[in-house]
Amino acid sequence: MKQKKDDVKVKMISALTEALNYRKKNPKADEEAIMKQVARFVSKEKNEDSKIAMIAAASRGIKMLERKEMLDRQVIKQVMAELPEIINKIE
């Protein structure tokens, strides 16, 4: 079971990274545009629970950026610290 949770965590960070990369390439993109890109990225995932977790992680990171100026690595670090909480809310 731990392996499955670790896999989901990696997928969640991958989705967050996709969001951050899209934002970097498209600095004028709003949250909706970024999340559309994340949805396209996540659509490749087969497991529905993983999809939800991936979207939740990306959304959490984007919301952090809206509240205050942070470096991408700071956002990733903060979201990584919150992964257990995000997963528990989903389950």
C-alpha atoms as a PDB file:
ATOM      1  CA  MET A   1       0.000   0.000   0.000  1.00  0.00           C
ATOM      2  CA  LYS A   2       2.881   2.381   0.803  1.00  0.00           C
ATOM      3  CA  GLN A   3       4.237   1.877  -2.720  1.00  0.00           C
ATOM      4  CA  LYS A   4       0.884   2.943  -4.167  1.00  0.00           C
ATOM      5  CA  LYS A   5       0.839   6.109  -2.024  1.00  0.00           C
ATOM      6  CA  ASP A   6       4.421   6.887  -3.043  1.00  0.00           C
ATOM      7  CA  ASP A   7       3.441   6.475  -6.704  1.00  0.00           C
ATOM      8  CA  VAL A   8       0.524   8.856  -6.224  1.00  0.00           C
ATOM      9  CA  LYS A   9       2.805  11.393  -4.533  1.00  0.00           C
ATOM     10  CA  VAL A  10       5.202  11.295  -7.487  1.00  0.00           C
ATOM     11  CA  LYS A  11       2.278  11.792  -9.877  1.00  0.00           C
ATOM     12  CA  MET A  12       1.018  14.704  -7.780  1.00  0.00           C
ATOM     13  CA  ILE A  13       4.385  16.450  -7.942  1.00  0.00           C
ATOM     14  CA  SER A  14       4.528  15.743 -11.687  1.00  0.00           C
ATOM     15  CA  ALA A  15       1.200  17.518 -12.156  1.00  0.00           C
ATOM     16  CA  LEU A  16       2.375  20.438 -10.037  1.00  0.00           C
ATOM     17  CA  THR A  17       5.578  20.650 -12.076  1.00  0.00           C
ATOM     18  CA  GLU A  18       3.515  20.663 -15.274  1.00  0.00           C
ATOM     19  CA  ALA A  19       1.501  23.595 -13.906  1.00  0.00           C
ATOM     20  CA  LEU A  20       4.612  25.515 -12.889  1.00  0.00           C
ATOM     21  CA  ASN A  21       6.321  24.878 -16.231  1.00  0.00           C
ATOM     22  CA  TYR A  22       3.226  26.021 -18.142  1.00  0.00           C
ATOM     23  CA  ARG A  23       3.056  29.172 -15.997  1.00  0.00           C
ATOM     24  CA  LYS A  24       6.744  29.862 -16.665  1.00  0.00           C
ATOM     25  CA  LYS A  25       6.274  29.475 -20.441  1.00  0.00           C
ATOM     26  CA  ASN A  26       3.042  31.496 -20.379  1.00  0.00           C
ATOM     27  CA  PRO A  27       3.506  34.210 -17.736  1.00  0.00           C
ATOM     28  CA  LYS A  28       0.195  35.892 -18.585  1.00  0.00           C
ATOM     29  CA  ALA A  29      -1.790  32.662 -18.182  1.00  0.00           C
ATOM     30  CA  ASP A  30      -4.475  32.798 -15.533  1.00  0.00           C
ATOM     31  CA  GLU A  31      -5.386  29.994 -13.148  1.00  0.00           C
ATOM     32  CA  GLU A  32      -8.028  28.638 -15.535  1.00  0.00           C
ATOM     33  CA  ALA A  33      -5.568  28.319 -18.423  1.00  0.00           C
ATOM     34  CA  ILE A  34      -3.004  26.647 -16.186  1.00  0.00           C
ATOM     35  CA  MET A  35      -5.552  24.178 -14.844  1.00  0.00           C
ATOM     36  CA  LYS A  36      -6.715  23.362 -18.390  1.00  0.00           C
ATOM     37  CA  GLN A  37      -3.127  22.398 -19.191  1.00  0.00           C
ATOM     38  CA  VAL A  38      -2.968  20.322 -16.013  1.00  0.00           C
ATOM     39  CA  ALA A  39      -6.244  18.605 -16.986  1.00  0.00           C
ATOM     40  CA  ARG A  40      -4.744  17.657 -20.356  1.00  0.00           C
ATOM     41  CA  PHE A  41      -1.652  16.320 -18.595  1.00  0.00           C
ATOM     42  CA  VAL A  42      -3.716  14.397 -16.036  1.00  0.00           C
ATOM     43  CA  SER A  43      -6.028  12.916 -18.689  1.00  0.00           C
ATOM     44  CA  LYS A  44      -3.255  10.434 -19.546  1.00  0.00           C
ATOM     45  CA  GLU A  45      -3.597   8.882 -16.078  1.00  0.00           C
ATOM     46  CA  LYS A  46      -5.918   5.873 -15.885  1.00  0.00           C
ATOM     47  CA  ASN A  47      -6.601   5.774 -12.140  1.00  0.00           C
ATOM     48  CA  GLU A  48      -9.385   8.194 -11.162  1.00  0.00           C
ATOM     49  CA  ASP A  49      -8.135   8.629  -7.589  1.00  0.00           C
ATOM     50  CA  SER A  50      -4.689   9.536  -8.903  1.00  0.00           C
ATOM     51  CA  LYS A  51      -6.244  12.067 -11.280  1.00  0.00           C
ATOM     52  CA  ILE A  52      -8.052  13.782  -8.414  1.00  0.00           C
ATOM     53  CA  ALA A  53      -4.896  13.841  -6.307  1.00  0.00           C
ATOM     54  CA  MET A  54      -2.840  15.244  -9.179  1.00  0.00           C
ATOM     55  CA  ILE A  55      -5.315  18.037  -9.827  1.00  0.00           C
ATOM     56  CA  ALA A  56      -5.505  18.820  -6.110  1.00  0.00           C
ATOM     57  CA  ALA A  57      -1.723  19.151  -5.829  1.00  0.00           C
ATOM     58  CA  ALA A  58      -1.464  21.384  -8.889  1.00  0.00           C
ATOM     59  CA  SER A  59      -4.334  23.537  -7.668  1.00  0.00           C
ATOM     60  CA  ARG A  60      -2.790  23.892  -4.213  1.00  0.00           C
ATOM     61  CA  GLY A  61       0.486  25.046  -5.736  1.00  0.00           C
ATOM     62  CA  ILE A  62      -1.135  27.565  -8.065  1.00  0.00           C
ATOM     63  CA  LYS A  63      -3.172  29.008  -5.185  1.00  0.00           C
ATOM     64  CA  MET A  64       0.041  29.421  -3.166  1.00  0.00           C
ATOM     65  CA  LEU A  65       1.515  31.479  -5.973  1.00  0.00           C
ATOM     66  CA  GLU A  66      -1.557  33.718  -6.054  1.00  0.00           C
ATOM     67  CA  ARG A  67      -1.246  34.498  -2.346  1.00  0.00           C
ATOM     68  CA  LYS A  68       2.438  35.391  -2.303  1.00  0.00           C
ATOM     69  CA  GLU A  69       5.499  35.523  -4.483  1.00  0.00           C
ATOM     70  CA  MET A  70       7.367  32.233  -4.209  1.00  0.00           C
ATOM     71  CA  LEU A  71       9.998  30.451  -6.239  1.00  0.00           C
ATOM     72  CA  ASP A  72       8.889  27.271  -7.989  1.00  0.00           C
ATOM     73  CA  ARG A  73      11.114  25.157  -5.761  1.00  0.00           C
ATOM     74  CA  GLN A  74       9.534  26.758  -2.670  1.00  0.00           C
ATOM     75  CA  VAL A  75       6.077  25.882  -3.966  1.00  0.00           C
ATOM     76  CA  ILE A  76       7.128  22.298  -4.674  1.00  0.00           C
ATOM     77  CA  LYS A  77       8.688  21.974  -1.223  1.00  0.00           C
ATOM     78  CA  GLN A  78       5.560  23.357   0.470  1.00  0.00           C
ATOM     79  CA  VAL A  79       3.181  21.150  -1.521  1.00  0.00           C
ATOM     80  CA  MET A  80       5.376  18.109  -0.822  1.00  0.00           C
ATOM     81  CA  ALA A  81       5.046  18.832   2.893  1.00  0.00           C
ATOM     82  CA  GLU A  82       1.263  19.004   2.467  1.00  0.00           C
ATOM     83  CA  LEU A  83       0.870  15.840   0.340  1.00  0.00           C
ATOM     84  CA  PRO A  84      -0.281  13.629   3.244  1.00  0.00           C
ATOM     85  CA  GLU A  85      -2.937  16.198   4.150  1.00  0.00           C
ATOM     86  CA  ILE A  86      -4.094  16.490   0.522  1.00  0.00           C
ATOM     87  CA  ILE A  87      -4.293  12.694   0.163  1.00  0.00           C
ATOM     88  CA  ASN A  88      -6.228  12.342   3.445  1.00  0.00           C
ATOM     89  CA  LYS A  89      -8.779  14.927   2.297  1.00  0.00           C
ATOM     90  CA  ILE A  90      -9.302  13.003  -0.939  1.00  0.00           C
ATOM     91  CA  GLU A  91      -9.682   9.611   0.733  1.00  0.00           C
END
